[in-house]
């Protein structure tokens, strides 16, 4: 069993920053798993935000967050981070951490095997 627990969400003004964390646990979780962040706003489909390979050297970002968000990981702590800067009201959503039983990150929700419960990010204008 694998558990992913997100934290760090909250309410922030436009232009502000937040850092999300995703702590992984469970006997079957491996630091070799690729990890990703997705988000879902009310009435919209879940969309890709960022992903990282097992080593932390390969990252992928959606066009809407490139240059503002940074994904990173600490395999010793089994934790993945999403640093979000220059936040915009359109970034408001529930943010989900996801784990993939492959070393290469994907950009589609169907490619991921494990999901956290989500953390809410609200950006006020």
N, C-alpha and C. Protein backbone atom coordinates (compact mmCIF):
# COMPACT_ATOMS: atom_id res chain seq x y z
N UNK A 1 0.84 -1.18 0.00
CA UNK A 1 0.00 0.00 0.00
C UNK A 1 0.88 1.24 0.00
N UNK A 2 0.49 2.23 -0.79
CA UNK A 2 1.23 3.49 -0.89
C UNK A 2 0.30 4.62 -0.48
N UNK A 3 0.82 5.50 0.33
CA UNK A 3 0.07 6.70 0.72
C UNK A 3 0.84 7.95 0.28
N UNK A 4 0.10 8.87 -0.28
CA UNK A 4 0.65 10.17 -0.66
C UNK A 4 -0.15 11.23 0.08
N UNK A 5 0.54 12.09 0.81
CA UNK A 5 -0.14 13.11 1.61
C UNK A 5 0.40 14.48 1.23
N UNK A 6 -0.49 15.31 0.70
CA UNK A 6 -0.10 16.67 0.31
C UNK A 6 -0.30 17.64 1.47
N UNK A 7 0.50 18.69 1.47
CA UNK A 7 0.35 19.77 2.45
C UNK A 7 0.88 21.05 1.83
N UNK A 8 0.57 22.17 2.47
CA UNK A 8 1.10 23.44 2.03
C UNK A 8 0.14 24.33 1.28
N UNK A 9 -1.05 23.84 1.03
CA UNK A 9 -2.03 24.67 0.34
C UNK A 9 -2.55 25.77 1.24
N UNK A 10 -3.31 26.70 0.64
CA UNK A 10 -3.87 27.78 1.42
C UNK A 10 -4.36 28.91 0.55
N UNK A 11 -4.62 30.04 1.19
CA UNK A 11 -5.11 31.23 0.52
C UNK A 11 -3.95 32.22 0.39
N UNK A 12 -3.76 32.73 -0.82
CA UNK A 12 -2.67 33.67 -1.07
C UNK A 12 -3.13 34.71 -2.07
N UNK A 13 -2.58 35.89 -1.98
CA UNK A 13 -2.91 36.94 -2.94
C UNK A 13 -2.18 36.73 -4.25
N UNK A 14 -2.75 37.26 -5.30
CA UNK A 14 -2.10 37.18 -6.61
C UNK A 14 -0.69 37.77 -6.52
N UNK A 15 0.24 37.08 -7.16
CA UNK A 15 1.64 37.48 -7.10
C UNK A 15 2.43 36.83 -5.98
N UNK A 16 1.72 36.17 -5.09
CA UNK A 16 2.37 35.52 -3.96
C UNK A 16 2.91 34.15 -4.30
N UNK A 17 3.41 33.47 -3.27
CA UNK A 17 4.04 32.16 -3.44
C UNK A 17 3.51 31.16 -2.42
N UNK A 18 3.55 29.91 -2.81
CA UNK A 18 3.25 28.79 -1.91
C UNK A 18 4.18 27.64 -2.27
N UNK A 19 4.46 26.80 -1.28
CA UNK A 19 5.24 25.60 -1.53
C UNK A 19 4.44 24.40 -1.07
N UNK A 20 4.08 23.56 -2.01
CA UNK A 20 3.37 22.33 -1.70
C UNK A 20 4.37 21.20 -1.46
N UNK A 21 4.00 20.31 -0.55
CA UNK A 21 4.81 19.12 -0.28
C UNK A 21 3.94 17.89 -0.44
N UNK A 22 4.57 16.80 -0.82
CA UNK A 22 3.89 15.51 -0.94
C UNK A 22 4.78 14.45 -0.31
N UNK A 23 4.33 13.92 0.81
CA UNK A 23 5.10 12.91 1.53
C UNK A 23 4.57 11.53 1.18
N UNK A 24 5.47 10.66 0.75
CA UNK A 24 5.09 9.30 0.37
C UNK A 24 5.46 8.32 1.46
N UNK A 25 4.65 7.30 1.60
CA UNK A 25 4.95 6.24 2.56
C UNK A 25 4.32 4.95 2.07
N UNK A 26 4.68 3.85 2.74
CA UNK A 26 4.15 2.56 2.36
C UNK A 26 5.26 1.60 1.96
N UNK A 27 5.04 0.34 2.29
CA UNK A 27 6.08 -0.66 2.06
C UNK A 27 6.46 -0.81 0.60
N UNK A 28 5.50 -0.58 -0.29
CA UNK A 28 5.76 -0.83 -1.71
C UNK A 28 6.23 0.42 -2.45
N UNK A 29 6.27 1.56 -1.78
CA UNK A 29 6.73 2.77 -2.48
C UNK A 29 8.23 2.73 -2.69
N UNK A 30 8.64 3.16 -3.85
CA UNK A 30 10.05 3.18 -4.19
C UNK A 30 10.47 4.59 -4.60
N UNK A 31 11.64 4.99 -4.20
CA UNK A 31 12.14 6.32 -4.59
C UNK A 31 12.40 6.38 -6.09
N UNK A 32 12.35 5.23 -6.78
CA UNK A 32 12.55 5.21 -8.22
C UNK A 32 11.30 5.60 -9.00
N UNK A 33 10.20 5.83 -8.32
CA UNK A 33 8.96 6.20 -8.99
C UNK A 33 9.03 7.64 -9.49
N UNK A 34 8.52 7.87 -10.68
CA UNK A 34 8.32 9.24 -11.14
C UNK A 34 7.13 9.83 -10.38
N UNK A 35 7.16 11.14 -10.21
CA UNK A 35 6.10 11.81 -9.44
C UNK A 35 5.56 13.00 -10.23
N UNK A 36 4.32 13.33 -9.99
CA UNK A 36 3.73 14.45 -10.69
C UNK A 36 2.76 15.23 -9.82
N UNK A 37 2.47 16.42 -10.28
CA UNK A 37 1.44 17.26 -9.66
C UNK A 37 0.38 17.56 -10.72
N UNK A 38 -0.86 17.43 -10.30
CA UNK A 38 -2.00 17.77 -11.15
C UNK A 38 -2.90 18.72 -10.37
N UNK A 39 -3.81 19.38 -11.05
CA UNK A 39 -4.76 20.25 -10.36
C UNK A 39 -6.14 20.13 -11.01
N UNK A 40 -7.14 20.43 -10.22
CA UNK A 40 -8.51 20.36 -10.72
C UNK A 40 -9.33 21.48 -10.10
N UNK A 41 -9.85 22.33 -10.97
CA UNK A 41 -10.73 23.41 -10.53
C UNK A 41 -12.18 22.93 -10.64
N UNK A 42 -13.08 23.53 -9.90
CA UNK A 42 -14.50 23.12 -9.95
C UNK A 42 -15.04 23.16 -11.37
N UNK A 43 -15.68 22.07 -11.77
CA UNK A 43 -16.29 22.00 -13.10
C UNK A 43 -15.33 21.75 -14.23
N UNK A 44 -14.05 21.52 -13.90
CA UNK A 44 -13.05 21.27 -14.94
C UNK A 44 -12.40 19.92 -14.75
N UNK A 45 -11.77 19.44 -15.81
CA UNK A 45 -11.06 18.17 -15.73
C UNK A 45 -9.73 18.35 -15.00
N UNK A 46 -9.24 17.26 -14.46
CA UNK A 46 -7.93 17.28 -13.82
C UNK A 46 -6.87 17.54 -14.89
N UNK A 47 -5.96 18.46 -14.62
CA UNK A 47 -4.95 18.82 -15.61
C UNK A 47 -3.54 18.70 -15.04
N UNK A 48 -2.63 18.39 -15.95
CA UNK A 48 -1.22 18.24 -15.60
C UNK A 48 -0.62 19.59 -15.24
N UNK A 49 0.23 19.58 -14.20
CA UNK A 49 0.95 20.78 -13.79
C UNK A 49 2.46 20.59 -13.98
N UNK A 50 3.01 19.55 -13.34
CA UNK A 50 4.45 19.33 -13.39
C UNK A 50 4.76 17.88 -13.05
N UNK A 51 5.91 17.39 -13.50
CA UNK A 51 6.32 16.03 -13.19
C UNK A 51 7.84 15.96 -13.14
N UNK A 52 8.33 14.91 -12.46
CA UNK A 52 9.77 14.77 -12.26
C UNK A 52 10.14 13.30 -12.30
N UNK A 53 11.28 12.99 -12.89
CA UNK A 53 11.72 11.60 -12.94
C UNK A 53 12.31 11.19 -11.60
N UNK A 54 12.72 9.93 -11.51
CA UNK A 54 13.17 9.39 -10.23
C UNK A 54 14.42 10.10 -9.70
N UNK A 55 15.28 10.57 -10.59
CA UNK A 55 16.54 11.16 -10.17
C UNK A 55 16.44 12.65 -9.91
N UNK A 56 15.36 13.27 -10.40
CA UNK A 56 15.23 14.71 -10.25
C UNK A 56 15.86 15.51 -11.36
N UNK A 57 16.40 14.83 -12.36
CA UNK A 57 17.10 15.54 -13.43
C UNK A 57 16.20 15.86 -14.62
N UNK A 58 15.09 15.13 -14.76
CA UNK A 58 14.17 15.38 -15.86
C UNK A 58 12.86 15.91 -15.29
N UNK A 59 12.48 17.09 -15.73
CA UNK A 59 11.23 17.69 -15.28
C UNK A 59 10.40 18.11 -16.48
N UNK A 60 9.09 18.13 -16.26
CA UNK A 60 8.16 18.57 -17.29
C UNK A 60 7.15 19.52 -16.64
N UNK A 61 6.73 20.50 -17.42
CA UNK A 61 5.78 21.50 -16.92
C UNK A 61 4.71 21.78 -17.98
N UNK A 62 3.54 22.13 -17.52
CA UNK A 62 2.52 22.60 -18.45
C UNK A 62 2.91 24.01 -18.89
N UNK A 63 2.42 24.42 -20.04
CA UNK A 63 2.73 25.74 -20.56
C UNK A 63 2.28 26.84 -19.60
N UNK A 64 1.18 26.60 -18.91
CA UNK A 64 0.59 27.65 -18.06
C UNK A 64 1.40 27.93 -16.80
N UNK A 65 2.29 27.02 -16.42
CA UNK A 65 3.07 27.24 -15.18
C UNK A 65 4.56 27.34 -15.43
N UNK A 66 4.99 27.09 -16.65
CA UNK A 66 6.42 27.16 -16.97
C UNK A 66 6.98 28.54 -16.64
N UNK A 67 8.09 28.53 -15.91
CA UNK A 67 8.71 29.78 -15.50
C UNK A 67 8.22 30.30 -14.17
N UNK A 68 7.13 29.75 -13.66
CA UNK A 68 6.58 30.19 -12.36
C UNK A 68 6.65 29.10 -11.30
N UNK A 69 6.47 27.85 -11.70
CA UNK A 69 6.46 26.72 -10.77
C UNK A 69 7.74 25.91 -10.95
N UNK A 70 8.19 25.29 -9.86
CA UNK A 70 9.34 24.41 -9.90
C UNK A 70 9.05 23.16 -9.09
N UNK A 71 9.24 22.01 -9.73
CA UNK A 71 9.06 20.74 -9.04
C UNK A 71 10.44 20.20 -8.64
N UNK A 72 10.50 19.59 -7.47
CA UNK A 72 11.76 19.00 -7.00
C UNK A 72 11.42 17.83 -6.08
N UNK A 73 12.43 17.06 -5.73
CA UNK A 73 12.20 15.91 -4.85
C UNK A 73 13.41 15.66 -3.97
N UNK A 74 13.14 15.08 -2.83
CA UNK A 74 14.18 14.65 -1.90
C UNK A 74 13.92 13.16 -1.65
N UNK A 75 14.67 12.31 -2.32
CA UNK A 75 14.41 10.87 -2.21
C UNK A 75 14.72 10.32 -0.83
N UNK A 76 15.63 10.95 -0.12
CA UNK A 76 15.93 10.49 1.24
C UNK A 76 14.72 10.69 2.15
N UNK A 77 13.94 11.71 1.86
CA UNK A 77 12.75 12.01 2.66
C UNK A 77 11.47 11.49 2.00
N UNK A 78 11.59 10.91 0.81
CA UNK A 78 10.43 10.44 0.05
C UNK A 78 9.39 11.55 -0.08
N UNK A 79 9.87 12.72 -0.43
CA UNK A 79 9.01 13.90 -0.52
C UNK A 79 9.25 14.62 -1.84
N UNK A 80 8.13 15.08 -2.41
CA UNK A 80 8.17 15.87 -3.63
C UNK A 80 7.60 17.25 -3.31
N UNK A 81 8.18 18.26 -3.94
CA UNK A 81 7.78 19.63 -3.67
C UNK A 81 7.30 20.31 -4.96
N UNK A 82 6.44 21.30 -4.78
CA UNK A 82 6.04 22.16 -5.88
C UNK A 82 6.11 23.60 -5.38
N UNK A 83 7.15 24.31 -5.81
CA UNK A 83 7.30 25.71 -5.47
C UNK A 83 6.51 26.53 -6.49
N UNK A 84 5.56 27.30 -6.00
CA UNK A 84 4.69 28.07 -6.89
C UNK A 84 4.90 29.56 -6.63
N UNK A 85 5.41 30.26 -7.63
CA UNK A 85 5.66 31.69 -7.52
C UNK A 85 4.76 32.45 -8.50
N UNK A 86 4.64 33.74 -8.28
CA UNK A 86 3.84 34.60 -9.17
C UNK A 86 2.46 34.00 -9.41
N UNK A 87 1.82 33.61 -8.35
CA UNK A 87 0.53 32.94 -8.46
C UNK A 87 -0.54 33.86 -9.03
N UNK A 88 -1.43 33.26 -9.80
CA UNK A 88 -2.52 33.98 -10.46
C UNK A 88 -3.86 33.40 -10.00
N UNK A 89 -4.93 34.18 -10.08
CA UNK A 89 -6.24 33.63 -9.69
C UNK A 89 -6.60 32.35 -10.46
N UNK A 90 -6.15 32.24 -11.71
CA UNK A 90 -6.46 31.04 -12.49
C UNK A 90 -5.70 29.81 -12.02
N UNK A 91 -4.78 29.97 -11.07
CA UNK A 91 -4.10 28.82 -10.47
C UNK A 91 -4.94 28.20 -9.36
N UNK A 92 -6.05 28.83 -9.01
CA UNK A 92 -6.92 28.31 -7.95
C UNK A 92 -7.46 26.94 -8.33
N UNK A 93 -7.22 25.96 -7.47
CA UNK A 93 -7.64 24.58 -7.74
C UNK A 93 -7.25 23.71 -6.56
N UNK A 94 -7.75 22.49 -6.58
CA UNK A 94 -7.23 21.46 -5.69
C UNK A 94 -6.02 20.85 -6.38
N UNK A 95 -4.91 20.75 -5.66
CA UNK A 95 -3.67 20.22 -6.23
C UNK A 95 -3.44 18.82 -5.70
N UNK A 96 -3.15 17.90 -6.61
CA UNK A 96 -2.98 16.49 -6.28
C UNK A 96 -1.56 16.02 -6.63
N UNK A 97 -1.00 15.27 -5.73
CA UNK A 97 0.27 14.60 -5.96
C UNK A 97 -0.01 13.21 -6.50
N UNK A 98 0.83 12.74 -7.43
CA UNK A 98 0.62 11.43 -8.02
C UNK A 98 1.95 10.71 -8.19
N UNK A 99 1.93 9.39 -8.06
CA UNK A 99 3.11 8.57 -8.21
C UNK A 99 2.94 7.56 -9.34
N UNK A 100 4.00 7.35 -10.10
CA UNK A 100 3.97 6.45 -11.24
C UNK A 100 5.02 5.36 -11.08
N UNK A 101 4.63 4.10 -11.30
CA UNK A 101 5.55 2.98 -11.14
C UNK A 101 6.43 2.86 -12.38
N UNK A 102 7.07 3.94 -12.72
CA UNK A 102 8.07 4.00 -13.78
C UNK A 102 9.02 5.13 -13.43
N UNK A 103 10.20 5.11 -14.00
CA UNK A 103 11.17 6.15 -13.67
C UNK A 103 10.95 7.42 -14.48
N UNK A 104 10.27 7.29 -15.63
CA UNK A 104 10.06 8.42 -16.52
C UNK A 104 8.71 9.06 -16.22
N UNK A 105 8.65 10.38 -16.07
CA UNK A 105 7.38 11.03 -15.73
C UNK A 105 6.42 11.09 -16.91
N UNK A 106 5.14 11.06 -16.62
CA UNK A 106 4.11 11.22 -17.63
C UNK A 106 3.36 12.52 -17.42
N UNK A 107 2.50 12.86 -18.38
CA UNK A 107 1.73 14.09 -18.29
C UNK A 107 0.23 13.86 -18.28
N UNK A 108 -0.19 12.61 -18.31
CA UNK A 108 -1.63 12.29 -18.29
C UNK A 108 -1.99 11.59 -16.99
N UNK A 109 -3.15 11.93 -16.42
CA UNK A 109 -3.55 11.29 -15.16
C UNK A 109 -3.57 9.76 -15.24
N UNK A 110 -3.95 9.22 -16.38
CA UNK A 110 -4.07 7.77 -16.52
C UNK A 110 -2.71 7.07 -16.39
N UNK A 111 -1.64 7.81 -16.54
CA UNK A 111 -0.31 7.21 -16.46
C UNK A 111 0.16 7.01 -15.02
N UNK A 112 -0.58 7.51 -14.05
CA UNK A 112 -0.16 7.46 -12.65
C UNK A 112 -0.95 6.42 -11.87
N UNK A 113 -0.26 5.80 -10.93
CA UNK A 113 -0.80 4.66 -10.20
C UNK A 113 -1.31 5.01 -8.81
N UNK A 114 -0.76 6.03 -8.22
CA UNK A 114 -1.13 6.41 -6.85
C UNK A 114 -1.46 7.90 -6.80
N UNK A 115 -2.42 8.23 -5.93
CA UNK A 115 -2.88 9.61 -5.82
C UNK A 115 -3.05 10.00 -4.36
N UNK A 116 -2.76 11.27 -4.07
CA UNK A 116 -3.05 11.81 -2.77
C UNK A 116 -4.47 12.35 -2.73
N UNK A 117 -4.85 12.86 -1.57
CA UNK A 117 -6.22 13.37 -1.39
C UNK A 117 -6.37 14.81 -1.86
N UNK A 118 -5.29 15.49 -2.07
CA UNK A 118 -5.35 16.85 -2.59
C UNK A 118 -5.22 17.92 -1.52
N UNK A 119 -4.75 19.08 -1.92
CA UNK A 119 -4.68 20.24 -1.04
C UNK A 119 -5.16 21.46 -1.84
N UNK A 120 -5.97 22.29 -1.20
CA UNK A 120 -6.61 23.40 -1.89
C UNK A 120 -5.68 24.61 -1.95
N UNK A 121 -5.58 25.19 -3.12
CA UNK A 121 -4.86 26.44 -3.32
C UNK A 121 -5.85 27.46 -3.86
N UNK A 122 -5.96 28.58 -3.17
CA UNK A 122 -6.86 29.64 -3.58
C UNK A 122 -6.07 30.93 -3.72
N UNK A 123 -6.13 31.53 -4.90
CA UNK A 123 -5.40 32.77 -5.17
C UNK A 123 -6.42 33.88 -5.38
N UNK A 124 -6.35 34.87 -4.52
CA UNK A 124 -7.28 35.99 -4.61
C UNK A 124 -6.70 37.11 -5.47
N UNK A 125 -7.58 37.83 -6.13
CA UNK A 125 -7.12 38.91 -7.02
C UNK A 125 -7.05 40.24 -6.28
